[in-house]
Amino acid sequence: MKHPVDSHLFRMASLSGLLTFVLLLVSAGAAPAVYPSDGGLAAKLQPFVDNHVIGGCVVLVADKEKILDLETVGYSDLDAKTPMQPNDLFWIASMTKSFTAAALMMMVDEEKLDINDPVEKYLPEFKGQMVMDENDKGHAHPPQHPITVREIMSHTSALTEKPKEDHILKDDVMEIAKAPLEWEPGTKFRYNNSGINVGGYLVEVLSGMPYGQFIQQRILDPLEMKDTTYWPTEEQASHLVKSVTVDAATHKLKNVTGDPGLMKNVKAHGGVPAMMLSQFGGELIPEYANHYAWPAGGLFSTATDVSKFCRMLLNGGTYKGRQYLTPASLKQMTTDETGSVFVNPDSAYGLGYFVLKKKGDDGMSVGSFGHLGARKTVMEIDPENGLVLIMMLQNMDLSGQQLKDLYSKAFFKTAITKYGRAERVPGQ
């Protein structure tokens, strides 16, 4: 079983307000709360567990200074009825794109990169790309301009979606460079992974160190994100939440299980933890072997770890006195970069982040930014309300209405009403 391609995230993002938001829950039976909480978020989310919509989740609310609320609900292993814990591990999938974008903007801050430059200025392999527009009956022609760094990071580059076949970042990007463009660059938005992978490779080339090493040394280590990694260890994998899917016969949720043949030979698979193989399949074997860090979707993390990254963004690029990004780069990364190019009715795309353009009924402020992951993890930064919102879950199947009910009606609205500066109810 391969990592699912996150092309469905764009569709999900157009639900009432941007669904690129974040928050989590704590179950009533959890250990004594470390963070202030009256269980209000968990109470709103428990019906989704009871009604077999989700297996469980972790939700977190923070401001620039501290975590305000951390709650859990439901189960990390649905079959075993193992209670969800605040430190459980999740595949955050396309939320990784936001980390890659931050790394790339560090190169801008160091004056090693201009996002308006053509990609070919830094990666000569992209010279001579042609447009193979199906509206032109398959005849290739030169683009009106070479693809730019801005376009690869805002999903408007027209790059062909290429799978991770080589599991070596340079080789994968070289395959992307060989493929024709699918339309005139900058004229259409289509969410895909290729552009972000090229952005990750630019970080590698410009920094002089492997992309994964850069993310570790410049973001994860200084932010003390100790449980965030592309390759979970046995110990970390022991806290991995099992994904759930809908059973076709019973229409109820069940655990995702691995290929029985693959699981019989775990010891032959290069040290990949059995739990990882059961949830993500044999594709992890070359990723572990090659130490491949996938820029578009490879990270695993916890709610608390992700909150540190988000709090840095909320605080203008600074966390605990250390500056990671300049305010100018942060603003450029998290504002509308797609302009007149249509993304969806409610949102635009920045550089590695969806950006809310239209306020809905969930309380999120215009200008809020964040990202979703394939298995329905979500993080959102709302500067006007002064909040970070994170929800971590691992669900394969959720309808658009279920997502709207879960994120917007249950989680975001409840959390923002309680904690948000702009939405707080007087007297609370």
Protein backbone atom coordinates (compact mmCIF):
# COMPACT_ATOMS: atom_id res chain seq x y z
CA MET A 1 0.00 0.00 0.00
CA LYS A 2 1.43 3.33 -1.00
CA HIS A 3 1.18 6.71 0.63
CA PRO A 4 -2.04 8.18 -0.75
CA VAL A 5 -1.51 11.13 -3.07
CA ASP A 6 -3.05 14.16 -1.42
CA SER A 7 -4.88 15.50 -4.49
CA HIS A 8 -8.15 15.31 -2.60
CA LEU A 9 -6.97 17.92 -0.11
CA PHE A 10 -7.81 20.76 -2.47
CA ARG A 11 -11.39 19.56 -2.65
CA MET A 12 -11.50 19.28 1.14
CA ALA A 13 -10.10 22.79 1.54
CA SER A 14 -13.14 24.36 -0.10
CA LEU A 15 -15.49 23.32 2.70
CA SER A 16 -17.16 26.23 4.53
CA GLY A 17 -14.14 28.36 5.25
CA LEU A 18 -10.69 26.90 4.77
CA LEU A 19 -10.47 23.45 6.17
CA THR A 20 -6.78 24.01 6.49
CA PHE A 21 -7.14 24.50 10.20
CA VAL A 22 -6.00 22.96 13.38
CA LEU A 23 -7.13 21.74 16.83
CA LEU A 24 -7.43 18.80 19.14
CA LEU A 25 -9.30 17.10 21.93
CA VAL A 26 -8.84 15.35 25.27
CA SER A 27 -10.99 12.48 26.39
CA ALA A 28 -12.75 12.52 29.73
CA GLY A 29 -10.86 9.45 30.94
CA ALA A 30 -7.36 10.74 30.16
CA ALA A 31 -4.59 11.28 32.70
CA PRO A 32 -4.73 14.44 34.86
CA ALA A 33 -4.66 17.50 32.63
CA VAL A 34 -1.36 19.30 32.36
CA TYR A 35 -2.97 22.19 30.47
CA PRO A 36 -6.10 24.12 31.46
CA SER A 37 -9.19 22.41 30.09
CA ASP A 38 -12.77 21.90 31.18
CA GLY A 39 -13.28 19.08 28.66
CA GLY A 40 -15.44 21.27 26.47
CA LEU A 41 -13.69 20.39 23.23
CA ALA A 42 -13.75 16.68 23.96
CA ALA A 43 -17.44 16.86 24.76
CA LYS A 44 -18.11 18.36 21.33
CA LEU A 45 -16.07 15.67 19.62
CA GLN A 46 -17.17 12.58 21.52
CA PRO A 47 -20.34 12.16 19.38
CA PHE A 48 -18.15 11.72 16.30
CA VAL A 49 -16.51 8.73 18.01
CA ASP A 50 -19.82 7.37 19.27
CA ASN A 51 -21.36 7.61 15.81
CA HIS A 52 -18.40 5.89 14.09
CA VAL A 53 -17.33 8.98 12.15
CA ILE A 54 -13.79 9.05 13.57
CA GLY A 55 -11.75 6.63 15.64
CA GLY A 56 -10.38 9.36 17.86
CA CYS A 57 -8.33 12.52 17.81
CA VAL A 58 -6.09 14.91 19.70
CA VAL A 59 -6.90 18.62 19.69
CA LEU A 60 -4.77 21.52 20.77
CA VAL A 61 -5.28 25.26 21.14
CA ALA A 62 -2.38 27.63 21.77
CA ASP A 63 -1.45 31.28 21.66
CA LYS A 64 2.02 32.72 21.07
CA GLU A 65 3.12 32.06 24.63
CA LYS A 66 1.65 28.72 25.66
CA ILE A 67 -0.71 25.84 25.06
CA LEU A 68 -4.19 26.82 26.20
CA ASP A 69 -5.98 23.51 25.81
CA LEU A 70 -4.93 19.95 24.97
CA GLU A 71 -7.55 17.21 24.88
CA THR A 72 -8.03 13.72 23.52
CA VAL A 73 -11.07 11.70 22.57
CA GLY A 74 -11.58 8.17 21.30
CA TYR A 75 -8.94 5.59 20.47
CA SER A 76 -5.48 5.28 18.96
CA ASP A 77 -6.28 1.63 18.19
CA LEU A 78 -9.96 1.22 17.47
CA ASP A 79 -10.00 -2.58 17.59
CA ALA A 80 -8.11 -2.77 20.88
CA LYS A 81 -9.98 0.25 22.32
CA THR A 82 -6.67 1.85 23.35
CA PRO A 83 -7.44 5.38 24.62
CA MET A 84 -5.92 8.20 22.59
CA GLN A 85 -3.03 9.94 24.38
CA PRO A 86 -1.81 13.56 23.97
CA ASN A 87 1.66 12.43 22.82
CA ASP A 88 0.46 9.95 20.17
CA LEU A 89 2.13 10.05 16.76
CA PHE A 90 0.40 10.87 13.47
CA TRP A 91 1.37 11.00 9.80
CA ILE A 92 0.84 14.70 9.06
CA ALA A 93 1.27 14.17 5.31
CA SER A 94 0.78 17.38 3.30
CA MET A 95 1.23 19.55 6.37
CA THR A 96 4.89 18.82 5.54
CA LYS A 97 4.54 21.26 2.62
CA SER A 98 4.37 24.12 5.10
CA PHE A 99 7.70 23.06 6.67
CA THR A 100 9.28 22.87 3.22
CA ALA A 101 8.01 26.34 2.40
CA ALA A 102 9.47 27.71 5.63
CA ALA A 103 12.83 26.15 4.78
CA LEU A 104 12.75 27.69 1.31
CA MET A 105 11.95 31.13 2.71
CA MET A 106 14.99 30.81 4.95
CA MET A 107 16.97 30.73 1.73
CA VAL A 108 15.22 33.97 0.73
CA ASP A 109 16.17 35.54 4.06
CA GLU A 110 19.79 34.50 3.45
CA GLU A 111 19.62 36.15 -0.01
CA LYS A 112 20.34 32.86 -1.74
CA LEU A 113 17.01 32.84 -3.57
CA ASP A 114 14.42 35.12 -5.15
CA ILE A 115 10.99 33.53 -5.51
CA ASN A 116 10.39 35.50 -8.70
CA ASP A 117 13.35 33.86 -10.40
CA PRO A 118 12.87 31.00 -12.85
CA VAL A 119 13.59 27.60 -11.35
CA GLU A 120 16.09 26.97 -14.14
CA LYS A 121 18.36 29.70 -12.70
CA TYR A 122 19.12 27.35 -9.82
CA LEU A 123 18.35 23.99 -11.44
CA PRO A 124 19.56 24.03 -15.08
CA GLU A 125 17.79 20.71 -15.73
CA PHE A 126 14.53 22.68 -16.01
CA LYS A 127 15.74 24.65 -19.04
CA GLY A 128 13.88 23.95 -22.24
CA GLN A 129 10.67 22.64 -20.69
CA MET A 130 7.79 22.64 -23.15
CA VAL A 131 4.04 22.95 -22.71
CA MET A 132 2.03 19.93 -23.84
CA ASP A 133 -1.43 21.48 -23.64
CA GLU A 134 -4.20 19.00 -24.40
CA ASN A 135 -6.25 21.89 -25.77
CA ASP A 136 -3.58 22.29 -28.43
CA LYS A 137 -4.08 18.72 -29.69
CA GLY A 138 -0.89 17.51 -28.04
CA HIS A 139 1.50 19.84 -29.87
CA ALA A 140 4.37 20.94 -27.63
CA HIS A 141 5.37 24.61 -27.58
CA PRO A 142 7.61 26.79 -25.43
CA PRO A 143 5.92 28.39 -22.40
CA GLN A 144 5.37 32.10 -22.33
CA HIS A 145 7.82 32.16 -19.44
CA PRO A 146 9.85 29.50 -17.59
CA ILE A 147 8.27 28.29 -14.35
CA THR A 148 9.22 30.38 -11.33
CA VAL A 149 9.93 29.49 -7.72
CA ARG A 150 6.74 31.33 -6.74
CA GLU A 151 4.73 29.11 -9.09
CA ILE A 152 6.14 25.79 -7.90
CA MET A 153 5.30 26.69 -4.30
CA SER A 154 1.78 27.96 -5.07
CA HIS A 155 0.65 25.02 -7.25
CA THR A 156 0.45 27.14 -10.40
CA SER A 157 3.59 25.84 -12.16
CA ALA A 158 1.83 23.31 -14.46
CA LEU A 159 4.35 20.63 -13.47
CA THR A 160 3.27 17.04 -14.08
CA GLU A 161 2.49 15.03 -10.96
CA LYS A 162 5.24 12.42 -10.64
CA PRO A 163 5.27 9.62 -8.06
CA LYS A 164 8.15 8.93 -5.68
CA GLU A 165 9.66 6.19 -7.79
CA ASP A 166 13.35 6.64 -7.04
CA HIS A 167 13.09 7.59 -3.35
CA ILE A 168 16.10 9.83 -3.83
CA LEU A 169 15.11 13.49 -3.95
CA LYS A 170 17.49 14.57 -6.70
CA ASP A 171 16.49 11.67 -8.95
CA ASP A 172 12.79 12.28 -8.39
CA VAL A 173 13.18 15.98 -9.25
CA MET A 174 15.17 15.19 -12.38
CA GLU A 175 12.25 13.07 -13.56
CA ILE A 176 9.91 15.99 -12.91
CA ALA A 177 12.18 18.25 -14.99
CA LYS A 178 11.99 15.89 -17.98
CA ALA A 179 8.19 15.91 -18.13
CA PRO A 180 6.32 18.54 -20.19
CA LEU A 181 4.28 21.27 -18.55
CA GLU A 182 0.54 20.71 -18.68
CA TRP A 183 -0.53 24.33 -19.29
CA GLU A 184 0.90 27.83 -19.38
CA PRO A 185 2.65 28.48 -16.07
CA GLY A 186 0.81 30.80 -13.72
CA THR A 187 -2.58 30.50 -15.38
CA LYS A 188 -4.18 27.67 -13.38
CA PHE A 189 -4.10 26.24 -9.86
CA ARG A 190 -3.80 22.49 -9.42
CA TYR A 191 -2.77 21.04 -6.09
CA ASN A 192 0.07 18.56 -6.56
CA ASN A 193 3.26 17.31 -4.95
CA SER A 194 5.80 17.89 -7.73
CA GLY A 195 6.31 21.60 -7.18
CA ILE A 196 6.87 21.23 -3.45
CA ASN A 197 9.37 18.42 -4.06
CA VAL A 198 11.27 20.74 -6.41
CA GLY A 199 11.17 23.36 -3.66
CA GLY A 200 12.67 20.87 -1.23
CA TYR A 201 15.45 20.08 -3.66
CA LEU A 202 16.15 23.81 -4.06
CA VAL A 203 16.71 23.93 -0.29
CA GLU A 204 19.17 21.06 -0.68
CA VAL A 205 21.09 22.74 -3.51
CA LEU A 206 21.16 26.23 -2.02
CA SER A 207 21.99 25.20 1.55
CA GLY A 208 24.59 22.61 0.59
CA MET A 209 23.10 19.95 2.85
CA PRO A 210 20.50 17.24 2.27
CA TYR A 211 16.94 18.55 2.51
CA GLY A 212 16.05 16.28 5.44
CA GLN A 213 19.16 17.32 7.34
CA PHE A 214 18.30 20.99 6.79
CA ILE A 215 14.79 20.50 8.16
CA GLN A 216 16.24 18.69 11.17
CA GLN A 217 18.98 21.21 11.96
CA ARG A 218 17.21 24.45 11.13
CA ILE A 219 13.62 23.73 12.19
CA LEU A 220 13.02 20.55 14.18
CA ASP A 221 16.01 20.58 16.53
CA PRO A 222 15.91 24.26 17.54
CA LEU A 223 12.12 24.12 18.01
CA GLU A 224 12.66 21.01 20.19
CA MET A 225 10.30 18.98 18.03
CA LYS A 226 11.72 15.72 19.34
CA ASP A 227 8.91 13.50 18.08
CA THR A 228 8.81 14.87 14.53
CA THR A 229 10.58 12.80 11.89
CA TYR A 230 10.43 11.32 8.40
CA TRP A 231 11.47 7.91 9.72
CA PRO A 232 9.90 6.97 13.08
CA THR A 233 11.96 4.66 15.25
CA GLU A 234 10.54 1.55 16.90
CA GLU A 235 9.86 3.55 20.06
CA GLN A 236 8.16 6.38 18.18
CA ALA A 237 6.17 3.93 16.07
CA SER A 238 4.85 2.33 19.24
CA HIS A 239 2.85 5.56 19.71
CA LEU A 240 1.59 5.69 16.12
CA VAL A 241 -2.16 6.03 15.83
CA LYS A 242 -3.72 3.35 13.64
CA SER A 243 -5.65 4.72 10.70
CA VAL A 244 -9.29 3.79 10.32
CA THR A 245 -11.40 3.16 7.26
CA VAL A 246 -15.05 2.35 6.62
CA ASP A 247 -15.88 -1.36 6.40
CA ALA A 248 -17.85 -1.89 3.20
CA ALA A 249 -20.01 -4.60 4.77
CA THR A 250 -20.86 -3.06 8.15
CA HIS A 251 -20.44 0.64 7.24
CA LYS A 252 -18.61 1.05 10.53
CA LEU A 253 -15.01 2.03 11.11
CA LYS A 254 -12.23 -0.52 11.32
CA ASN A 255 -8.45 -0.40 11.60
CA VAL A 256 -6.31 -0.26 8.48
CA THR A 257 -4.20 -3.41 8.39
CA GLY A 258 -1.15 -4.27 6.34
CA ASP A 259 -0.51 -6.76 3.58
CA PRO A 260 -0.32 -10.17 5.34
CA GLY A 261 2.51 -11.29 3.07
CA LEU A 262 4.53 -8.18 3.84
CA MET A 263 3.93 -8.48 7.56
CA LYS A 264 5.20 -12.09 7.63
CA ASN A 265 8.68 -10.88 6.61
CA VAL A 266 9.10 -7.78 8.74
CA LYS A 267 12.64 -8.69 9.80
CA ALA A 268 13.77 -8.69 6.17
CA HIS A 269 12.70 -5.09 5.59
CA GLY A 270 15.67 -3.04 6.67
CA GLY A 271 14.63 -2.06 10.17
CA VAL A 272 11.31 -0.45 9.22
CA PRO A 273 9.10 -0.79 12.32
CA ALA A 274 6.30 -3.31 11.88
CA MET A 275 3.71 -0.74 12.90
CA MET A 276 4.90 1.53 10.08
CA LEU A 277 4.66 -1.28 7.52
CA SER A 278 1.16 -2.16 8.69
CA GLN A 279 -0.06 1.38 8.14
CA PHE A 280 1.92 2.53 5.10
CA GLY A 281 3.13 -0.54 3.27
CA GLY A 282 6.31 -1.54 1.51
CA GLU A 283 6.98 1.89 0.04
CA LEU A 284 8.59 2.77 3.35
CA ILE A 285 11.35 0.22 2.81
CA PRO A 286 13.31 2.26 0.22
CA GLU A 287 12.47 5.47 2.08
CA TYR A 288 14.14 4.19 5.25
CA ALA A 289 16.99 2.59 3.27
CA ASN A 290 17.75 5.79 1.32
CA HIS A 291 16.96 8.10 4.24
CA TYR A 292 14.53 9.77 1.88
CA ALA A 293 12.79 12.85 3.31
CA TRP A 294 9.73 13.56 1.19
CA PRO A 295 9.23 17.37 1.00
CA ALA A 296 5.57 17.17 -0.06
CA GLY A 297 4.30 14.84 2.62
CA GLY A 298 6.74 12.73 4.62
CA LEU A 299 6.61 14.00 8.21
CA PHE A 300 5.21 12.27 11.29
CA SER A 301 4.54 14.35 14.39
CA THR A 302 2.52 14.98 17.53
CA ALA A 303 0.06 17.75 18.33
CA THR A 304 2.44 19.37 20.81
CA ASP A 305 5.35 19.31 18.37
CA VAL A 306 3.30 20.82 15.55
CA SER A 307 2.12 23.55 17.92
CA LYS A 308 5.71 24.73 18.38
CA PHE A 309 6.10 25.27 14.64
CA CYS A 310 2.73 27.02 14.47
CA ARG A 311 3.44 29.23 17.46
CA MET A 312 6.64 30.35 15.76
CA LEU A 313 4.57 31.37 12.73
CA LEU A 314 1.96 33.11 14.89
CA ASN A 315 4.74 35.03 16.63
CA GLY A 316 6.05 36.55 13.39
CA GLY A 317 8.73 33.93 12.73
CA THR A 318 10.21 33.88 16.25
CA TYR A 319 10.02 31.24 18.99
CA LYS A 320 11.61 31.53 22.45
CA GLY A 321 13.73 34.44 21.31
CA ARG A 322 15.12 32.75 18.19
CA GLN A 323 14.18 34.13 14.78
CA TYR A 324 13.51 31.49 12.14
CA LEU A 325 11.94 33.69 9.47
CA THR A 326 11.86 37.43 8.91
CA PRO A 327 8.42 39.05 9.14
CA ALA A 328 8.65 39.92 5.44
CA SER A 329 9.24 36.31 4.39
CA LEU A 330 6.53 35.05 6.73
CA LYS A 331 4.04 37.53 5.29
CA GLN A 332 4.87 36.58 1.72
CA MET A 333 4.58 32.89 2.51
CA THR A 334 1.19 33.18 4.21
CA THR A 335 -0.68 35.64 2.01
CA ASP A 336 -2.44 35.21 -1.33
CA GLU A 337 0.08 34.26 -4.02
CA THR A 338 -2.45 32.93 -6.52
CA GLY A 339 -4.16 36.26 -7.17
CA SER A 340 -6.72 36.05 -9.97
CA VAL A 341 -6.08 32.32 -10.43
CA PHE A 342 -9.05 30.51 -8.90
CA VAL A 343 -8.33 28.15 -6.00
CA ASN A 344 -11.76 27.75 -4.39
CA PRO A 345 -14.56 30.09 -3.32
CA ASP A 346 -13.20 30.62 0.18
CA SER A 347 -9.43 30.44 -0.05
CA ALA A 348 -6.28 31.27 -1.91
CA TYR A 349 -2.88 29.62 -1.70
CA GLY A 350 0.29 31.27 -0.46
CA LEU A 351 3.65 29.52 -0.57
CA GLY A 352 2.98 26.19 1.14
CA TYR A 353 -0.18 27.34 2.95
CA PHE A 354 -3.87 27.75 2.20
CA VAL A 355 -5.06 31.26 3.11
CA LEU A 356 -8.64 32.13 4.10
CA LYS A 357 -10.19 34.85 1.95
CA LYS A 358 -13.81 34.63 3.06
CA LYS A 359 -15.04 34.39 6.64
CA GLY A 360 -17.43 31.53 7.35
CA ASP A 361 -19.53 30.60 10.36
CA ASP A 362 -16.71 28.81 12.20
CA GLY A 363 -15.13 31.99 13.58
CA MET A 364 -11.90 31.80 11.57
CA SER A 365 -10.64 35.26 10.61
CA VAL A 366 -9.85 36.31 7.07
CA GLY A 367 -6.10 35.87 6.63
CA SER A 368 -5.92 32.68 8.69
CA PHE A 369 -3.51 30.20 7.15
CA GLY A 370 -2.59 26.56 7.50
CA HIS A 371 -2.73 23.14 5.90
CA LEU A 372 -4.42 19.75 5.89
CA GLY A 373 -2.93 16.27 5.78
CA ALA A 374 -4.19 13.30 3.79
CA ARG A 375 -5.54 11.42 6.80
CA LYS A 376 -7.38 14.52 7.98
CA THR A 377 -4.84 16.15 10.28
CA VAL A 378 -5.15 19.92 10.19
CA MET A 379 -3.32 22.97 11.51
CA GLU A 380 -4.48 26.57 11.37
CA ILE A 381 -2.93 29.84 12.50
CA ASP A 382 -5.41 32.69 13.07
CA PRO A 383 -3.44 35.91 13.72
CA GLU A 384 -6.52 38.07 14.39
CA ASN A 385 -7.75 35.70 17.09
CA GLY A 386 -4.19 35.08 18.26
CA LEU A 387 -4.62 31.32 18.09
CA VAL A 388 -3.06 28.12 16.85
CA LEU A 389 -5.61 25.35 16.25
CA ILE A 390 -4.56 21.73 15.67
CA MET A 391 -6.56 18.55 15.19
CA MET A 392 -4.82 15.22 14.75
CA LEU A 393 -6.63 12.13 13.53
CA GLN A 394 -6.00 9.29 11.06
CA ASN A 395 -9.15 8.70 9.01
CA MET A 396 -9.13 7.40 5.46
CA ASP A 397 -12.79 8.12 4.73
CA LEU A 398 -14.66 11.28 5.66
CA SER A 399 -17.24 13.00 3.49
CA GLY A 400 -17.24 16.72 2.87
CA GLN A 401 -20.20 17.20 5.20
CA GLN A 402 -18.56 15.12 7.92
CA LEU A 403 -15.42 17.23 7.67
CA LYS A 404 -17.44 20.42 7.87
CA ASP A 405 -19.32 19.17 10.91
CA LEU A 406 -16.13 17.94 12.61
CA TYR A 407 -13.80 20.85 11.90
CA SER A 408 -15.97 23.91 11.54
CA LYS A 409 -19.05 23.26 13.66
CA ALA A 410 -17.56 21.18 16.47
CA PHE A 411 -13.94 22.18 16.85
CA PHE A 412 -13.09 25.56 15.35
CA LYS A 413 -16.23 27.36 16.41
CA THR A 414 -16.07 26.02 19.97
CA ALA A 415 -12.38 26.79 20.41
CA ILE A 416 -12.47 30.26 18.87
CA THR A 417 -15.55 31.28 20.87
CA LYS A 418 -13.76 30.25 24.04
CA TYR A 419 -10.22 31.41 23.36
CA GLY A 420 -10.19 33.80 20.39
CA ARG A 421 -9.65 37.53 20.88
CA ALA A 422 -12.04 38.48 18.08
CA GLU A 423 -14.78 35.98 18.93
CA ARG A 424 -14.65 35.55 22.70
CA VAL A 425 -18.04 35.80 24.33
CA PRO A 426 -18.14 38.64 26.90
CA GLY A 427 -17.88 37.37 30.45
CA GLN A 428 -16.22 34.05 29.53
